Amino acid sequence: MNKKELIESIADAADISKADAEKALNGTLATIAETLKKGDKVTLVGFGTFSVSKREARTGRNPQTGKAIDIPARNIVKFKAGSKLSDAVN
């Protein structure tokens, strides 16, 4: 499912226009991104938890040349599925 199909599904489920569903989805995604950028967690009970984790700088290897390269530190986003989502999938 892509974003367009998700918007159509939201519009049908909530009985709203596709434009309103797109605004709601974009607003939700922007809010999640802003919250994670601040370093906070986003917990949607039953669905899952989005969080940010710090990955330290490290040394890696270029697979083509075998030469050592420095990989900078960065923040990564993690998602842990909630029980209801896990149960729905299994």
N, C-alpha and C. Protein backbone atom coordinates (compact mmCIF):
# COMPACT_ATOMS: atom_id res chain seq x y z
N MET A 1 0.86 -1.18 0.00
CA MET A 1 0.00 0.00 0.00
C MET A 1 0.90 1.23 0.00
N ASN A 2 0.60 2.16 -0.87
CA ASN A 2 1.35 3.41 -0.90
C ASN A 2 0.53 4.51 -0.23
N LYS A 3 1.09 5.72 -0.20
CA LYS A 3 0.44 6.82 0.52
C LYS A 3 -0.92 7.16 -0.08
N LYS A 4 -1.02 7.15 -1.41
CA LYS A 4 -2.29 7.47 -2.07
C LYS A 4 -3.37 6.47 -1.68
N GLU A 5 -3.02 5.19 -1.66
CA GLU A 5 -3.98 4.15 -1.29
C GLU A 5 -4.36 4.27 0.18
N LEU A 6 -3.41 4.64 1.03
CA LEU A 6 -3.70 4.84 2.45
C LEU A 6 -4.67 5.99 2.64
N ILE A 7 -4.47 7.08 1.91
CA ILE A 7 -5.38 8.23 2.00
C ILE A 7 -6.78 7.83 1.58
N GLU A 8 -6.90 7.07 0.50
CA GLU A 8 -8.22 6.61 0.04
C GLU A 8 -8.89 5.73 1.10
N SER A 9 -8.11 4.87 1.73
CA SER A 9 -8.64 3.99 2.76
C SER A 9 -9.11 4.78 3.98
N ILE A 10 -8.33 5.77 4.39
CA ILE A 10 -8.71 6.62 5.52
C ILE A 10 -9.99 7.38 5.20
N ALA A 11 -10.06 7.93 3.98
CA ALA A 11 -11.25 8.69 3.56
C ALA A 11 -12.50 7.82 3.60
N ASP A 12 -12.38 6.59 3.11
CA ASP A 12 -13.53 5.68 3.12
C ASP A 12 -13.92 5.28 4.54
N ALA A 13 -12.93 4.96 5.37
CA ALA A 13 -13.22 4.51 6.73
C ALA A 13 -13.82 5.61 7.59
N ALA A 14 -13.35 6.85 7.41
CA ALA A 14 -13.82 7.96 8.24
C ALA A 14 -14.96 8.73 7.58
N ASP A 15 -15.32 8.34 6.37
CA ASP A 15 -16.39 9.02 5.62
C ASP A 15 -16.10 10.52 5.48
N ILE A 16 -14.87 10.82 5.04
CA ILE A 16 -14.46 12.20 4.79
C ILE A 16 -13.87 12.27 3.39
N SER A 17 -13.63 13.49 2.92
CA SER A 17 -13.06 13.65 1.58
C SER A 17 -11.60 13.22 1.57
N LYS A 18 -11.10 12.91 0.37
CA LYS A 18 -9.70 12.51 0.24
C LYS A 18 -8.77 13.66 0.63
N ALA A 19 -9.18 14.89 0.34
CA ALA A 19 -8.37 16.06 0.69
C ALA A 19 -8.24 16.17 2.21
N ASP A 20 -9.35 15.98 2.93
CA ASP A 20 -9.31 16.04 4.38
C ASP A 20 -8.48 14.88 4.96
N ALA A 21 -8.61 13.70 4.36
CA ALA A 21 -7.83 12.55 4.83
C ALA A 21 -6.34 12.80 4.60
N GLU A 22 -5.99 13.42 3.47
CA GLU A 22 -4.59 13.73 3.19
C GLU A 22 -4.04 14.74 4.19
N LYS A 23 -4.83 15.76 4.52
CA LYS A 23 -4.41 16.75 5.52
C LYS A 23 -4.20 16.09 6.87
N ALA A 24 -5.10 15.20 7.25
CA ALA A 24 -4.99 14.52 8.54
C ALA A 24 -3.76 13.63 8.58
N LEU A 25 -3.51 12.88 7.52
CA LEU A 25 -2.35 12.00 7.47
C LEU A 25 -1.05 12.81 7.48
N ASN A 26 -0.98 13.85 6.67
CA ASN A 26 0.22 14.68 6.63
C ASN A 26 0.48 15.34 7.98
N GLY A 27 -0.58 15.80 8.63
CA GLY A 27 -0.44 16.40 9.96
C GLY A 27 0.05 15.40 10.98
N THR A 28 -0.46 14.18 10.92
CA THR A 28 -0.04 13.14 11.84
C THR A 28 1.43 12.80 11.65
N LEU A 29 1.83 12.62 10.39
CA LEU A 29 3.23 12.28 10.10
C LEU A 29 4.17 13.41 10.49
N ALA A 30 3.76 14.66 10.26
CA ALA A 30 4.61 15.80 10.63
C ALA A 30 4.76 15.89 12.14
N THR A 31 3.68 15.65 12.87
CA THR A 31 3.73 15.70 14.33
C THR A 31 4.64 14.60 14.88
N ILE A 32 4.53 13.40 14.31
CA ILE A 32 5.40 12.30 14.76
C ILE A 32 6.86 12.67 14.50
N ALA A 33 7.16 13.20 13.32
CA ALA A 33 8.54 13.57 12.97
C ALA A 33 9.07 14.67 13.90
N GLU A 34 8.26 15.69 14.19
CA GLU A 34 8.68 16.78 15.08
C GLU A 34 8.95 16.27 16.49
N THR A 35 8.10 15.38 16.96
CA THR A 35 8.27 14.82 18.31
C THR A 35 9.54 13.99 18.40
N LEU A 36 9.80 13.19 17.39
CA LEU A 36 11.02 12.37 17.37
C LEU A 36 12.26 13.25 17.25
N LYS A 37 12.15 14.33 16.50
CA LYS A 37 13.28 15.25 16.35
C LYS A 37 13.68 15.86 17.69
N LYS A 38 12.70 16.08 18.56
CA LYS A 38 12.97 16.61 19.91
C LYS A 38 13.55 15.55 20.84
N GLY A 39 13.53 14.29 20.40
CA GLY A 39 14.07 13.20 21.22
C GLY A 39 13.03 12.49 22.06
N ASP A 40 11.76 12.83 21.88
CA ASP A 40 10.68 12.20 22.64
C ASP A 40 10.16 10.96 21.92
N LYS A 41 9.42 10.13 22.65
CA LYS A 41 8.78 8.94 22.09
C LYS A 41 7.36 9.28 21.65
N VAL A 42 6.85 8.51 20.70
CA VAL A 42 5.45 8.59 20.31
C VAL A 42 4.86 7.20 20.52
N THR A 43 3.91 7.09 21.43
CA THR A 43 3.29 5.80 21.74
C THR A 43 1.83 5.82 21.32
N LEU A 44 1.47 4.90 20.44
CA LEU A 44 0.09 4.72 20.02
C LEU A 44 -0.34 3.37 20.59
N VAL A 45 -1.09 3.41 21.67
CA VAL A 45 -1.44 2.21 22.42
C VAL A 45 -2.10 1.18 21.50
N GLY A 46 -1.57 -0.03 21.52
CA GLY A 46 -2.08 -1.11 20.69
C GLY A 46 -1.42 -1.16 19.32
N PHE A 47 -0.91 -0.04 18.83
CA PHE A 47 -0.27 -0.01 17.51
C PHE A 47 1.24 -0.16 17.63
N GLY A 48 1.86 0.73 18.44
CA GLY A 48 3.30 0.62 18.61
C GLY A 48 3.91 1.90 19.12
N THR A 49 5.24 1.88 19.24
CA THR A 49 5.99 3.01 19.78
C THR A 49 7.12 3.38 18.83
N PHE A 50 7.19 4.66 18.49
CA PHE A 50 8.29 5.21 17.71
C PHE A 50 9.25 5.86 18.71
N SER A 51 10.55 5.62 18.53
CA SER A 51 11.55 6.25 19.40
C SER A 51 12.81 6.54 18.61
N VAL A 52 13.68 7.35 19.21
CA VAL A 52 14.95 7.72 18.58
C VAL A 52 16.09 7.14 19.40
N SER A 53 17.07 6.60 18.71
CA SER A 53 18.23 6.03 19.37
C SER A 53 19.48 6.63 18.73
N LYS A 54 20.51 6.81 19.53
CA LYS A 54 21.77 7.39 19.06
C LYS A 54 22.69 6.27 18.59
N ARG A 55 23.18 6.36 17.37
CA ARG A 55 24.17 5.41 16.86
C ARG A 55 25.52 6.11 16.89
N GLU A 56 26.45 5.55 17.61
CA GLU A 56 27.77 6.15 17.77
C GLU A 56 28.57 6.09 16.47
N ALA A 57 29.56 6.97 16.35
CA ALA A 57 30.46 6.96 15.21
C ALA A 57 31.27 5.66 15.25
N ARG A 58 31.60 5.16 14.07
CA ARG A 58 32.34 3.92 14.02
C ARG A 58 33.17 3.86 12.73
N THR A 59 34.03 2.88 12.67
CA THR A 59 34.84 2.67 11.49
C THR A 59 34.29 1.47 10.74
N GLY A 60 34.10 1.64 9.44
CA GLY A 60 33.61 0.55 8.60
C GLY A 60 34.59 0.28 7.48
N ARG A 61 34.21 -0.60 6.59
CA ARG A 61 35.07 -0.94 5.46
C ARG A 61 34.28 -0.79 4.16
N ASN A 62 34.94 -0.22 3.16
CA ASN A 62 34.37 -0.15 1.82
C ASN A 62 34.41 -1.57 1.26
N PRO A 63 33.27 -2.15 0.91
CA PRO A 63 33.27 -3.54 0.46
C PRO A 63 34.00 -3.76 -0.88
N GLN A 64 34.10 -2.72 -1.68
CA GLN A 64 34.77 -2.87 -2.98
C GLN A 64 36.29 -2.83 -2.84
N THR A 65 36.79 -1.93 -1.98
CA THR A 65 38.23 -1.75 -1.87
C THR A 65 38.82 -2.31 -0.59
N GLY A 66 37.99 -2.52 0.42
CA GLY A 66 38.47 -2.98 1.70
C GLY A 66 39.09 -1.88 2.54
N LYS A 67 39.06 -0.65 2.03
CA LYS A 67 39.64 0.50 2.72
C LYS A 67 38.75 0.91 3.90
N ALA A 68 39.38 1.27 5.01
CA ALA A 68 38.64 1.72 6.20
C ALA A 68 38.02 3.09 5.94
N ILE A 69 36.75 3.26 6.38
CA ILE A 69 36.07 4.55 6.26
C ILE A 69 35.46 4.90 7.61
N ASP A 70 35.36 6.19 7.86
CA ASP A 70 34.73 6.66 9.10
C ASP A 70 33.25 6.89 8.85
N ILE A 71 32.42 6.29 9.69
CA ILE A 71 30.97 6.45 9.61
C ILE A 71 30.57 7.36 10.76
N PRO A 72 29.96 8.52 10.46
CA PRO A 72 29.64 9.48 11.52
C PRO A 72 28.50 9.02 12.42
N ALA A 73 28.42 9.59 13.61
CA ALA A 73 27.32 9.32 14.54
C ALA A 73 26.04 9.90 13.95
N ARG A 74 24.92 9.27 14.28
CA ARG A 74 23.63 9.79 13.81
C ARG A 74 22.51 9.23 14.66
N ASN A 75 21.37 9.87 14.58
CA ASN A 75 20.18 9.40 15.26
C ASN A 75 19.41 8.50 14.31
N ILE A 76 18.86 7.39 14.84
CA ILE A 76 18.05 6.50 14.03
C ILE A 76 16.67 6.34 14.68
N VAL A 77 15.67 6.12 13.85
CA VAL A 77 14.30 5.93 14.32
C VAL A 77 14.05 4.44 14.49
N LYS A 78 13.45 4.10 15.63
CA LYS A 78 13.08 2.71 15.90
C LYS A 78 11.56 2.63 16.05
N PHE A 79 11.01 1.48 15.69
CA PHE A 79 9.58 1.22 15.87
C PHE A 79 9.43 -0.14 16.51
N LYS A 80 8.66 -0.18 17.59
CA LYS A 80 8.35 -1.45 18.25
C LYS A 80 6.84 -1.64 18.16
N ALA A 81 6.42 -2.71 17.51
CA ALA A 81 5.00 -2.98 17.31
C ALA A 81 4.31 -3.28 18.63
N GLY A 82 3.07 -2.79 18.76
CA GLY A 82 2.26 -3.07 19.93
C GLY A 82 1.60 -4.43 19.84
N SER A 83 1.00 -4.86 20.93
CA SER A 83 0.42 -6.21 20.99
C SER A 83 -0.74 -6.39 20.02
N LYS A 84 -1.60 -5.39 19.88
CA LYS A 84 -2.75 -5.53 18.97
C LYS A 84 -2.29 -5.63 17.53
N LEU A 85 -1.28 -4.85 17.15
CA LEU A 85 -0.75 -4.92 15.79
C LEU A 85 -0.10 -6.28 15.54
N SER A 86 0.68 -6.74 16.50
CA SER A 86 1.33 -8.05 16.36
C SER A 86 0.31 -9.16 16.24
N ASP A 87 -0.74 -9.10 17.05
CA ASP A 87 -1.79 -10.11 17.00
C ASP A 87 -2.54 -10.08 15.67
N ALA A 88 -2.77 -8.88 15.14
CA ALA A 88 -3.49 -8.74 13.87
C ALA A 88 -2.70 -9.32 12.71
N VAL A 89 -1.37 -9.24 12.78
CA VAL A 89 -0.53 -9.73 11.70
C VAL A 89 -0.37 -11.25 11.77
N ASN A 90 -0.35 -11.78 12.97
CA ASN A 90 -0.13 -13.23 13.13
C ASN A 90 -1.40 -14.01 13.16
